[in-house]
Amino acid sequence: MTGTSRTDLLAEAFEAHRDRLSAVAYRVLGSHADAEDVVQETWMRLARQDATAIENLAGWLTTVVGRISLDVLRSRRTRPEASYGDGLSELVITVDHGAELEETAALADSVGLALLVVLDSLRPSERLAFVLHDLFAVPFAEIGQILGKSADATKMIASRARRKVRATERPATVGPEQRQVVEAFRAAASGGDFEALLRVLDPDVRLTVDTPGGRVVTLGATAVASGARMLAGAVARHRAVLVNGLPGYVSWREDGTPLSIISFTVADGRIAAIAIVADPARLASTHLPDPAEPG
């Protein structure tokens, strides 16, 4: 058998797993572009391997995808100012009337975007463990090999991630307590109260801002609180809304043009993630409520 034919057979075997590998990488990273890069890198590593020495190709590929994805997540943590990812392509904005949350739960589920927002608030190891085990049924022992942890330690990491996800994944969990946390943040940001901002922010809070130049990420309560006061600067009016099922608000300038869409992930009484859309083009293409009715 020639080298070319072995390569062809290996490529065929890899293609049979590509869709699943792409799904794993996308759920871990939340970016189609990054997921494609990870899958391509996985193929290149496989092509350099002696495939006959791989007993379980599916497991080997999943492990490699997991390790590369974990490296990407950790790289984001060390370079929080970097823009990355293709983001969430669709925003569904509904006025938050409070009593109508049961109806909006089905809408957010059909859009299928809220989970990615929640996953953004997890630490890299938590996100990887949750995605691989809860979404793709990878055993804890295999995930532990990726993380360099025991199976028991990995199970604890996944359990911690699961608690965070369950606290925020359903729009039906948006209640008075979560709205109070969001309102406390807005009031503290408007008043420039740094200490109040720190009290309402999770220490590992993640802020993402979609700008005309791309997505910018800030990590940590101190950094987020330091920049939060700028959010209120040009706001003339705002209205409470649900953004893909998450609590938030839309803000407008004095002349009535949209300024931003902000959504919050609230867990354990604190804000774990904030997502801001400040790109005028994206704001213009999103169906927004009427600013004439303040929230």
Protein backbone atom coordinates (compact mmCIF):
# COMPACT_ATOMS: atom_id res chain seq x y z
CA MET A 1 0.00 0.00 0.00
CA THR A 2 1.45 3.36 -0.99
CA GLY A 3 1.87 6.36 1.22
CA THR A 4 -0.74 8.23 -0.81
CA SER A 5 -3.36 5.55 -0.28
CA ARG A 6 -2.68 5.47 3.47
CA THR A 7 -3.14 9.23 3.56
CA ASP A 8 -6.38 8.96 1.64
CA LEU A 9 -7.72 6.32 4.02
CA LEU A 10 -6.71 8.44 7.01
CA ALA A 11 -8.38 11.51 5.53
CA GLU A 12 -11.54 9.51 4.92
CA ALA A 13 -11.57 8.28 8.49
CA PHE A 14 -11.01 11.82 9.76
CA GLU A 15 -13.84 13.23 7.63
CA ALA A 16 -16.21 10.72 9.22
CA HIS A 17 -15.52 12.45 12.56
CA ARG A 18 -15.27 16.05 11.34
CA ASP A 19 -18.83 17.14 12.12
CA ARG A 20 -18.64 15.91 15.69
CA LEU A 21 -15.19 17.45 16.21
CA SER A 22 -16.44 20.77 14.83
CA ALA A 23 -19.44 20.65 17.17
CA VAL A 24 -17.20 19.96 20.18
CA ALA A 25 -14.78 22.77 19.31
CA TYR A 26 -17.59 25.25 18.65
CA ARG A 27 -19.32 24.51 21.95
CA VAL A 28 -16.04 24.84 23.84
CA LEU A 29 -14.92 28.02 22.07
CA GLY A 30 -18.15 29.71 20.94
CA SER A 31 -16.56 30.71 17.63
CA HIS A 32 -16.97 29.01 14.27
CA ALA A 33 -13.71 30.45 13.01
CA ASP A 34 -11.74 29.21 16.03
CA ALA A 35 -13.47 25.82 15.82
CA GLU A 36 -12.43 25.42 12.19
CA ASP A 37 -8.83 26.28 13.09
CA VAL A 38 -8.85 23.70 15.89
CA VAL A 39 -10.25 20.96 13.67
CA GLN A 40 -7.66 21.73 10.97
CA GLU A 41 -4.84 21.61 13.52
CA THR A 42 -6.21 18.27 14.74
CA TRP A 43 -6.04 16.89 11.21
CA MET A 44 -2.45 18.06 10.83
CA ARG A 45 -1.48 16.33 14.06
CA LEU A 46 -3.22 13.15 12.97
CA ALA A 47 -1.44 13.22 9.63
CA ARG A 48 1.90 13.20 11.49
CA GLN A 49 0.91 10.20 13.60
CA ASP A 50 1.29 6.48 12.98
CA ALA A 51 -2.44 5.82 12.71
CA THR A 52 -1.94 2.08 13.24
CA ALA A 53 -0.86 2.85 16.80
CA ILE A 54 -4.14 4.61 17.59
CA GLU A 55 -6.54 2.08 19.08
CA ASN A 56 -9.54 4.40 19.44
CA LEU A 57 -9.52 7.05 16.72
CA ALA A 58 -12.68 8.81 17.95
CA GLY A 59 -11.28 9.10 21.46
CA TRP A 60 -7.87 10.23 20.23
CA LEU A 61 -9.40 12.95 18.05
CA THR A 62 -11.67 14.19 20.83
CA THR A 63 -8.71 14.39 23.20
CA VAL A 64 -6.64 16.38 20.72
CA VAL A 65 -9.51 18.75 19.96
CA GLY A 66 -10.01 19.21 23.69
CA ARG A 67 -6.35 19.99 24.34
CA ILE A 68 -6.08 22.48 21.50
CA SER A 69 -9.36 24.15 22.52
CA LEU A 70 -8.16 24.39 26.11
CA ASP A 71 -4.98 26.11 24.91
CA VAL A 72 -7.12 28.62 22.99
CA LEU A 73 -9.29 29.32 26.04
CA ARG A 74 -6.25 29.82 28.25
CA SER A 75 -4.67 32.09 25.65
CA ARG A 76 -7.78 34.27 25.75
CA ARG A 77 -7.41 34.52 29.52
CA THR A 78 -3.84 35.79 29.21
CA ARG A 79 -4.74 38.21 26.39
CA PRO A 80 -8.11 39.62 27.54
CA GLU A 81 -7.75 42.67 25.33
CA ALA A 82 -7.69 40.59 22.18
CA SER A 83 -10.64 40.51 19.83
CA TYR A 84 -11.66 37.09 18.65
CA GLY A 85 -14.49 34.93 17.44
CA ASP A 86 -17.41 35.54 15.16
CA GLY A 87 -19.81 36.09 18.03
CA LEU A 88 -23.54 35.47 18.09
CA SER A 89 -25.05 36.33 14.75
CA GLU A 90 -28.61 36.96 15.96
CA LEU A 91 -30.09 38.94 18.82
CA VAL A 92 -33.71 38.55 19.91
CA ILE A 93 -34.83 41.52 22.02
CA THR A 94 -38.10 41.37 23.94
CA VAL A 95 -39.43 43.92 26.41
CA ASP A 96 -39.06 42.59 29.96
CA HIS A 97 -42.56 42.82 31.37
CA GLY A 98 -41.68 40.38 34.13
CA ALA A 99 -44.88 38.35 34.07
CA GLU A 100 -44.33 37.27 30.45
CA LEU A 101 -41.12 35.33 31.12
CA GLU A 102 -42.72 31.89 30.67
CA GLU A 103 -43.58 32.79 27.07
CA THR A 104 -40.13 34.14 26.27
CA ALA A 105 -38.46 30.97 27.57
CA ALA A 106 -39.62 29.02 24.54
CA LEU A 107 -38.43 31.78 22.23
CA ALA A 108 -34.93 31.81 23.70
CA ASP A 109 -34.77 28.01 23.56
CA SER A 110 -35.63 28.08 19.85
CA VAL A 111 -32.88 30.61 19.19
CA GLY A 112 -30.43 28.39 21.09
CA LEU A 113 -27.92 31.10 21.95
CA ALA A 114 -28.19 31.63 25.70
CA LEU A 115 -26.01 28.64 26.59
CA LEU A 116 -23.04 30.09 24.72
CA VAL A 117 -23.36 33.28 26.75
CA VAL A 118 -23.41 31.29 29.98
CA LEU A 119 -20.40 29.19 28.92
CA ASP A 120 -18.43 32.41 28.41
CA SER A 121 -18.60 32.98 32.18
CA LEU A 122 -16.89 29.67 33.03
CA ARG A 123 -13.19 29.13 33.62
CA PRO A 124 -11.42 27.24 30.78
CA SER A 125 -11.25 23.94 32.70
CA GLU A 126 -14.90 24.24 33.76
CA ARG A 127 -16.06 24.99 30.25
CA LEU A 128 -14.13 22.10 28.72
CA ALA A 129 -15.28 19.61 31.37
CA PHE A 130 -18.92 20.67 31.10
CA VAL A 131 -19.03 20.62 27.30
CA LEU A 132 -17.21 17.32 26.88
CA HIS A 133 -19.09 15.44 29.60
CA ASP A 134 -22.57 16.97 29.68
CA LEU A 135 -22.98 17.71 25.98
CA PHE A 136 -20.85 14.97 24.39
CA ALA A 137 -20.75 12.22 27.06
CA VAL A 138 -16.95 12.00 27.20
CA PRO A 139 -15.90 10.02 30.33
CA PHE A 140 -14.31 11.94 33.20
CA ALA A 141 -11.15 9.86 32.97
CA GLU A 142 -10.56 10.99 29.38
CA ILE A 143 -11.33 14.63 30.21
CA GLY A 144 -8.95 14.36 33.14
CA GLN A 145 -6.14 13.37 30.79
CA ILE A 146 -6.71 16.62 28.89
CA LEU A 147 -6.80 18.73 32.06
CA GLY A 148 -4.01 16.87 33.83
CA LYS A 149 -6.41 16.01 36.67
CA SER A 150 -7.74 12.82 38.21
CA ALA A 151 -11.17 11.57 37.21
CA ASP A 152 -12.56 12.60 40.63
CA ALA A 153 -11.09 16.10 40.40
CA THR A 154 -12.48 16.45 36.87
CA LYS A 155 -15.91 15.35 38.08
CA MET A 156 -15.81 18.12 40.70
CA ILE A 157 -14.83 20.69 38.06
CA ALA A 158 -17.72 19.60 35.83
CA SER A 159 -20.11 19.67 38.77
CA ARG A 160 -19.10 23.24 39.62
CA ALA A 161 -19.62 24.28 36.00
CA ARG A 162 -23.00 22.53 35.89
CA ARG A 163 -24.20 24.49 38.92
CA LYS A 164 -23.26 27.76 37.24
CA VAL A 165 -24.96 26.77 33.99
CA ARG A 166 -28.14 25.63 35.73
CA ALA A 167 -28.30 28.91 37.60
CA THR A 168 -28.45 30.90 34.38
CA GLU A 169 -29.26 28.75 31.35
CA ARG A 170 -33.07 29.09 31.45
CA PRO A 171 -34.70 32.46 30.82
CA ALA A 172 -37.41 31.37 33.27
CA THR A 173 -34.89 31.90 36.05
CA VAL A 174 -34.96 35.65 35.36
CA GLY A 175 -36.83 36.95 38.37
CA PRO A 176 -36.94 39.92 40.72
CA GLU A 177 -33.63 38.97 42.36
CA GLN A 178 -31.75 38.95 39.05
CA ARG A 179 -33.36 42.21 37.98
CA GLN A 180 -32.30 43.77 41.28
CA VAL A 181 -28.70 42.73 40.63
CA VAL A 182 -28.82 44.24 37.13
CA GLU A 183 -30.41 47.44 38.41
CA ALA A 184 -27.80 47.67 41.17
CA PHE A 185 -25.08 47.46 38.51
CA ARG A 186 -26.73 50.14 36.38
CA ALA A 187 -27.15 52.48 39.35
CA ALA A 188 -23.55 51.95 40.49
CA ALA A 189 -22.23 52.52 36.96
CA SER A 190 -24.30 55.70 36.56
CA GLY A 191 -23.17 57.02 39.92
CA GLY A 192 -19.54 56.03 39.46
CA ASP A 193 -19.64 53.97 42.67
CA PHE A 194 -16.60 51.69 42.28
CA GLU A 195 -17.10 49.80 45.56
CA ALA A 196 -20.76 49.11 44.75
CA LEU A 197 -19.72 47.76 41.35
CA LEU A 198 -17.24 45.37 42.96
CA ARG A 199 -19.96 44.09 45.30
CA VAL A 200 -22.27 43.19 42.45
CA LEU A 201 -19.63 41.69 40.10
CA ASP A 202 -18.31 38.15 40.30
CA PRO A 203 -14.50 38.21 40.77
CA ASP A 204 -14.13 36.34 37.46
CA VAL A 205 -16.72 38.39 35.55
CA ARG A 206 -16.24 38.50 31.78
CA LEU A 207 -17.16 41.58 29.74
CA THR A 208 -17.44 41.35 25.95
CA VAL A 209 -18.05 44.40 23.79
CA ASP A 210 -18.94 44.19 20.10
CA THR A 211 -17.49 47.29 18.43
CA PRO A 212 -17.10 48.29 14.77
CA GLY A 213 -13.52 46.98 14.99
CA GLY A 214 -14.45 43.60 16.44
CA ARG A 215 -15.05 41.97 19.80
CA VAL A 216 -13.06 43.14 22.83
CA VAL A 217 -12.89 41.10 26.03
CA THR A 218 -12.17 42.28 29.57
CA LEU A 219 -11.79 39.85 32.48
CA GLY A 220 -12.03 40.35 36.23
CA ALA A 221 -14.15 42.52 38.53
CA THR A 222 -11.59 45.27 39.03
CA ALA A 223 -11.00 45.80 35.30
CA VAL A 224 -14.71 45.64 34.49
CA ALA A 225 -15.66 48.01 37.31
CA SER A 226 -12.98 50.48 36.23
CA GLY A 227 -14.54 50.79 32.79
CA ALA A 228 -18.19 50.45 33.79
CA ARG A 229 -18.71 54.14 34.50
CA MET A 230 -18.13 54.89 30.83
CA LEU A 231 -21.20 52.81 29.96
CA ALA A 232 -23.54 55.42 31.39
CA GLY A 233 -21.87 58.48 29.90
CA ALA A 234 -23.98 59.12 26.79
CA VAL A 235 -27.17 57.34 27.91
CA ALA A 236 -30.27 59.52 27.68
CA ARG A 237 -32.89 56.76 27.96
CA HIS A 238 -32.91 53.06 28.62
CA ARG A 239 -35.42 50.24 28.68
CA ALA A 240 -35.36 46.88 30.45
CA VAL A 241 -35.36 43.97 27.98
CA LEU A 242 -34.51 40.31 27.60
CA VAL A 243 -31.61 39.68 25.23
CA ASN A 244 -31.85 36.08 23.98
CA GLY A 245 -33.60 35.38 27.26
CA LEU A 246 -31.04 37.11 29.50
CA PRO A 247 -31.84 40.24 31.54
CA GLY A 248 -30.51 43.50 30.19
CA TYR A 249 -31.43 46.84 28.73
CA VAL A 250 -31.27 48.92 25.57
CA SER A 251 -29.88 52.46 25.78
CA TRP A 252 -30.44 55.43 23.47
CA ARG A 253 -28.69 58.76 22.99
CA GLU A 254 -30.40 62.10 23.41
CA ASP A 255 -31.22 62.23 19.67
CA GLY A 256 -32.98 58.84 19.86
CA THR A 257 -30.34 56.76 18.11
CA PRO A 258 -29.47 53.41 19.75
CA LEU A 259 -26.34 53.49 21.90
CA SER A 260 -26.01 49.90 23.09
CA ILE A 261 -27.62 46.60 23.96
CA ILE A 262 -26.40 45.12 27.24
CA SER A 263 -27.18 41.67 28.63
CA PHE A 264 -26.17 40.12 31.94
CA THR A 265 -25.54 36.60 33.16
CA VAL A 266 -26.37 36.50 36.88
CA ALA A 267 -25.24 33.58 39.07
CA ASP A 268 -25.32 33.28 42.86
CA GLY A 269 -26.43 36.87 43.25
CA ARG A 270 -23.59 38.36 41.23
CA ILE A 271 -22.97 39.27 37.61
CA ALA A 272 -20.82 36.57 35.99
CA ALA A 273 -20.85 37.92 32.43
CA ILE A 274 -21.79 41.10 30.58
CA ALA A 275 -22.25 41.29 26.81
CA ILE A 276 -22.48 44.68 25.14
CA VAL A 277 -23.35 45.40 21.52
CA ALA A 278 -22.09 48.89 20.64
CA ASP A 279 -21.55 48.39 16.90
CA PRO A 280 -23.87 50.89 15.11
CA ALA A 281 -24.28 48.57 12.11
CA ARG A 282 -25.38 45.65 14.28
CA LEU A 283 -27.65 47.89 16.35
CA ALA A 284 -29.27 49.18 13.17
CA SER A 285 -29.99 45.65 11.97
CA THR A 286 -31.56 44.54 15.28
CA HIS A 287 -35.27 44.98 15.98
CA LEU A 288 -35.46 47.16 19.09
CA PRO A 289 -38.41 48.33 21.23
CA ASP A 290 -39.64 51.89 21.09
CA PRO A 291 -37.48 54.28 23.16
CA ALA A 292 -40.56 56.47 23.65
CA GLU A 293 -41.60 54.08 26.43
CA PRO A 294 -38.87 54.18 29.08
CA GLY A 295 -38.08 51.02 31.07
